[in-house]
Amino acid sequence: MYLRLLDNAYRAAPAGVRPTTEPRLILGSRYLGEVVPDTDAVQNVIGVTFLREQRYGEAVTAFRQALALNADSIDANRNLAAALADSGHPTDAIGYLRHAVRLDPRNGTTQYALGRLLLDRREFGEASECFRAALQSMPDSSSLHNDLGVALASTGDLQDAADQFRQAVSLDPEFAEARRNLAVAERR
């Protein structure tokens, strides 16, 4: 299965992304007699595989190799940030997410991930900006509305925070945290 993922990643890569030189063996593997190419997309798939298995050190290594091949890979930057944050290095992760956001400011997933890390660091103003940017592509995310509400409430903007909590609850009426946050915001 692992090699099939690598092969699929290679075949899905646009022609301009595929290596123009002879591909190298990756981890000494072969799939159906073909050499698996060494591209940023392949290294990213390897990293995601390790990340899902919570093998953070190996994931970080694979994502760094992907970035060595293509420093402007949004996925590799975002995934490296996830591996770093999940392994207890959120400060290191922020730089990679900021780079990914610069590459594509409309990528809601990346904006949301950056916003979450900034929220955890109590950088509420910048977190709010990231969450608002993420809403452009993820307007139906109840978690995103709730997190924006938390960031806004933390800056003292309780009216806008309550509006975000209401939106989160309307999207997911069972979202207990958003309901509690709404009740607190409305009391104040």
Protein backbone atom coordinates (compact mmCIF):
# COMPACT_ATOMS: atom_id res chain seq x y z
CA MET A 1 0.00 0.00 0.00
CA TYR A 2 2.83 2.39 0.89
CA LEU A 3 4.46 2.02 -2.50
CA ARG A 4 1.11 2.36 -4.23
CA LEU A 5 0.69 5.76 -2.51
CA LEU A 6 4.10 6.82 -3.74
CA ASP A 7 3.40 5.64 -7.26
CA ASN A 8 0.04 7.44 -7.30
CA ALA A 9 1.65 10.65 -6.03
CA TYR A 10 4.24 10.48 -8.79
CA ARG A 11 1.73 9.76 -11.51
CA ALA A 12 -0.56 12.57 -10.26
CA ALA A 13 2.25 15.13 -10.33
CA PRO A 14 2.09 17.50 -13.28
CA ALA A 15 4.68 16.82 -15.96
CA GLY A 16 6.69 19.90 -14.99
CA VAL A 17 6.95 18.66 -11.41
CA ARG A 18 8.26 15.22 -12.30
CA PRO A 19 12.02 14.89 -12.20
CA THR A 20 13.77 15.45 -15.50
CA THR A 21 16.75 13.36 -14.44
CA GLU A 22 16.92 9.69 -13.60
CA PRO A 23 14.81 9.10 -10.48
CA ARG A 24 16.51 7.76 -7.36
CA LEU A 25 15.36 4.93 -5.17
CA ILE A 26 13.50 6.09 -2.10
CA LEU A 27 13.96 3.92 0.95
CA GLY A 28 15.28 1.24 -1.42
CA SER A 29 11.80 0.53 -2.74
CA ARG A 30 10.53 -0.57 -6.13
CA TYR A 31 6.94 -0.82 -7.28
CA LEU A 32 6.09 -3.11 -10.17
CA GLY A 33 9.67 -2.97 -11.35
CA GLU A 34 9.76 0.84 -11.57
CA VAL A 35 12.01 3.07 -9.54
CA VAL A 36 10.05 5.41 -7.30
CA PRO A 37 11.03 9.01 -8.18
CA ASP A 38 12.38 11.43 -5.62
CA THR A 39 10.04 14.44 -5.87
CA ASP A 40 8.64 16.82 -3.30
CA ALA A 41 5.21 15.22 -3.82
CA VAL A 42 6.58 11.76 -3.04
CA GLN A 43 8.44 12.99 0.03
CA ASN A 44 5.26 14.73 1.15
CA VAL A 45 3.29 11.47 0.86
CA ILE A 46 5.99 9.69 2.85
CA GLY A 47 5.80 12.39 5.51
CA VAL A 48 2.01 12.21 5.70
CA THR A 49 2.25 8.45 6.14
CA PHE A 50 4.67 8.89 9.04
CA LEU A 51 2.56 11.72 10.48
CA ARG A 52 -0.56 9.53 10.51
CA GLU A 53 1.45 6.89 12.37
CA GLN A 54 2.65 9.57 14.84
CA ARG A 55 6.25 8.96 13.81
CA TYR A 56 7.04 12.65 14.05
CA GLY A 57 10.81 12.54 13.64
CA GLU A 58 10.54 10.58 10.40
CA ALA A 59 7.71 12.81 9.21
CA VAL A 60 9.77 15.93 9.86
CA THR A 61 12.69 14.44 7.93
CA ALA A 62 10.48 13.59 4.94
CA PHE A 63 8.84 17.03 4.88
CA ARG A 64 12.24 18.72 5.12
CA GLN A 65 13.37 16.61 2.14
CA ALA A 66 10.25 17.70 0.25
CA LEU A 67 11.09 21.32 1.00
CA ALA A 68 14.69 20.79 -0.12
CA LEU A 69 13.25 19.75 -3.48
CA ASN A 70 10.62 22.51 -3.57
CA ALA A 71 10.77 25.19 -0.88
CA ASP A 72 7.47 26.64 -2.10
CA SER A 73 5.38 23.50 -1.60
CA ILE A 74 2.37 24.68 0.37
CA ASP A 75 1.50 21.13 1.42
CA ALA A 76 5.01 20.32 2.63
CA ASN A 77 5.23 23.59 4.59
CA ARG A 78 1.81 23.03 6.18
CA ASN A 79 2.50 19.35 6.90
CA LEU A 80 5.93 20.07 8.38
CA ALA A 81 4.25 22.62 10.63
CA ALA A 82 1.70 19.99 11.72
CA ALA A 83 4.46 17.50 12.52
CA LEU A 84 6.40 20.11 14.48
CA ALA A 85 3.34 21.31 16.39
CA ASP A 86 2.19 17.77 17.17
CA SER A 87 5.65 16.87 18.45
CA GLY A 88 5.79 19.81 20.85
CA HIS A 89 7.44 22.49 18.70
CA PRO A 90 4.60 24.92 17.88
CA THR A 91 6.90 27.95 17.73
CA ASP A 92 8.94 26.32 14.96
CA ALA A 93 5.73 25.41 13.15
CA ILE A 94 4.51 28.99 12.88
CA GLY A 95 7.28 30.04 10.49
CA TYR A 96 6.40 27.27 8.03
CA LEU A 97 2.71 28.16 8.18
CA ARG A 98 3.45 31.84 7.63
CA HIS A 99 5.49 30.91 4.56
CA ALA A 100 2.65 28.74 3.24
CA VAL A 101 0.17 31.59 3.81
CA ARG A 102 2.44 33.98 1.88
CA LEU A 103 2.46 31.48 -1.00
CA ASP A 104 -1.33 31.19 -1.05
CA PRO A 105 -3.24 33.59 1.21
CA ARG A 106 -6.57 32.09 0.09
CA ASN A 107 -5.73 28.60 1.37
CA GLY A 108 -8.25 28.29 4.20
CA THR A 109 -6.74 25.16 5.70
CA THR A 110 -3.36 26.82 6.11
CA GLN A 111 -4.87 30.05 7.45
CA TYR A 112 -6.89 28.06 9.97
CA ALA A 113 -3.87 26.03 11.11
CA LEU A 114 -1.85 29.22 11.60
CA GLY A 115 -4.73 30.84 13.44
CA ARG A 116 -5.00 27.89 15.84
CA LEU A 117 -1.31 28.08 16.75
CA LEU A 118 -1.53 31.84 17.21
CA LEU A 119 -4.63 31.44 19.37
CA ASP A 120 -2.76 28.96 21.57
CA ARG A 121 0.03 31.56 21.90
CA ARG A 122 -2.53 34.20 22.87
CA GLU A 123 -1.81 36.29 19.78
CA PHE A 124 -5.50 37.02 19.41
CA GLY A 125 -5.41 39.85 16.86
CA GLU A 126 -3.35 37.96 14.32
CA ALA A 127 -5.30 34.76 15.02
CA SER A 128 -8.53 36.65 14.24
CA GLU A 129 -7.09 37.82 10.92
CA CYS A 130 -6.15 34.25 9.99
CA PHE A 131 -9.57 32.91 10.97
CA ARG A 132 -11.34 35.62 8.96
CA ALA A 133 -9.19 34.77 5.93
CA ALA A 134 -9.96 31.06 6.40
CA LEU A 135 -13.71 31.78 6.47
CA GLN A 136 -13.50 32.91 2.85
CA SER A 137 -12.99 29.30 1.77
CA MET A 138 -14.47 27.49 4.80
CA PRO A 139 -17.67 29.41 5.68
CA ASP A 140 -19.47 26.31 6.96
CA SER A 141 -16.90 25.31 9.58
CA SER A 142 -18.48 25.53 13.01
CA SER A 143 -15.07 25.03 14.66
CA LEU A 144 -13.63 27.93 12.69
CA HIS A 145 -16.49 30.25 13.71
CA ASN A 146 -16.06 29.17 17.34
CA ASP A 147 -12.30 29.78 17.27
CA LEU A 148 -12.80 33.20 15.67
CA GLY A 149 -15.30 33.95 18.42
CA VAL A 150 -12.77 32.97 21.09
CA ALA A 151 -10.11 35.20 19.51
CA LEU A 152 -12.53 38.13 19.23
CA ALA A 153 -13.78 37.71 22.81
CA SER A 154 -10.18 37.65 23.98
CA THR A 155 -9.61 41.06 22.39
CA GLY A 156 -12.75 42.41 24.06
CA ASP A 157 -14.98 42.37 20.99
CA LEU A 158 -17.85 40.49 22.64
CA GLN A 159 -20.54 41.53 20.13
CA ASP A 160 -18.68 40.11 17.12
CA ALA A 161 -17.62 37.12 19.24
CA ALA A 162 -21.26 36.36 20.09
CA ASP A 163 -22.15 36.58 16.40
CA GLN A 164 -19.45 34.00 15.60
CA PHE A 165 -20.61 31.69 18.39
CA ARG A 166 -24.20 31.97 17.10
CA GLN A 167 -23.00 31.04 13.63
CA ALA A 168 -21.10 28.04 15.04
CA VAL A 169 -24.20 26.86 16.91
CA SER A 170 -26.43 27.36 13.88
CA LEU A 171 -24.05 25.22 11.82
CA ASP A 172 -23.78 22.55 14.54
CA PRO A 173 -26.49 22.73 17.22
CA GLU A 174 -24.77 19.95 19.18
CA PHE A 175 -21.49 21.88 19.46
CA ALA A 176 -21.38 22.18 23.26
CA GLU A 177 -18.29 24.39 23.47
CA ALA A 178 -19.80 26.95 21.08
CA ARG A 179 -23.06 26.92 23.06
CA ARG A 180 -21.17 27.57 26.31
CA ASN A 181 -19.11 30.32 24.68
CA LEU A 182 -22.26 31.95 23.33
CA ALA A 183 -23.89 31.89 26.77
CA VAL A 184 -20.84 33.52 28.37
CA ALA A 185 -20.58 36.18 25.64
CA GLU A 186 -24.28 37.05 25.92
CA ARG A 187 -24.05 37.38 29.75
CA ARG A 188 -21.25 39.90 29.43
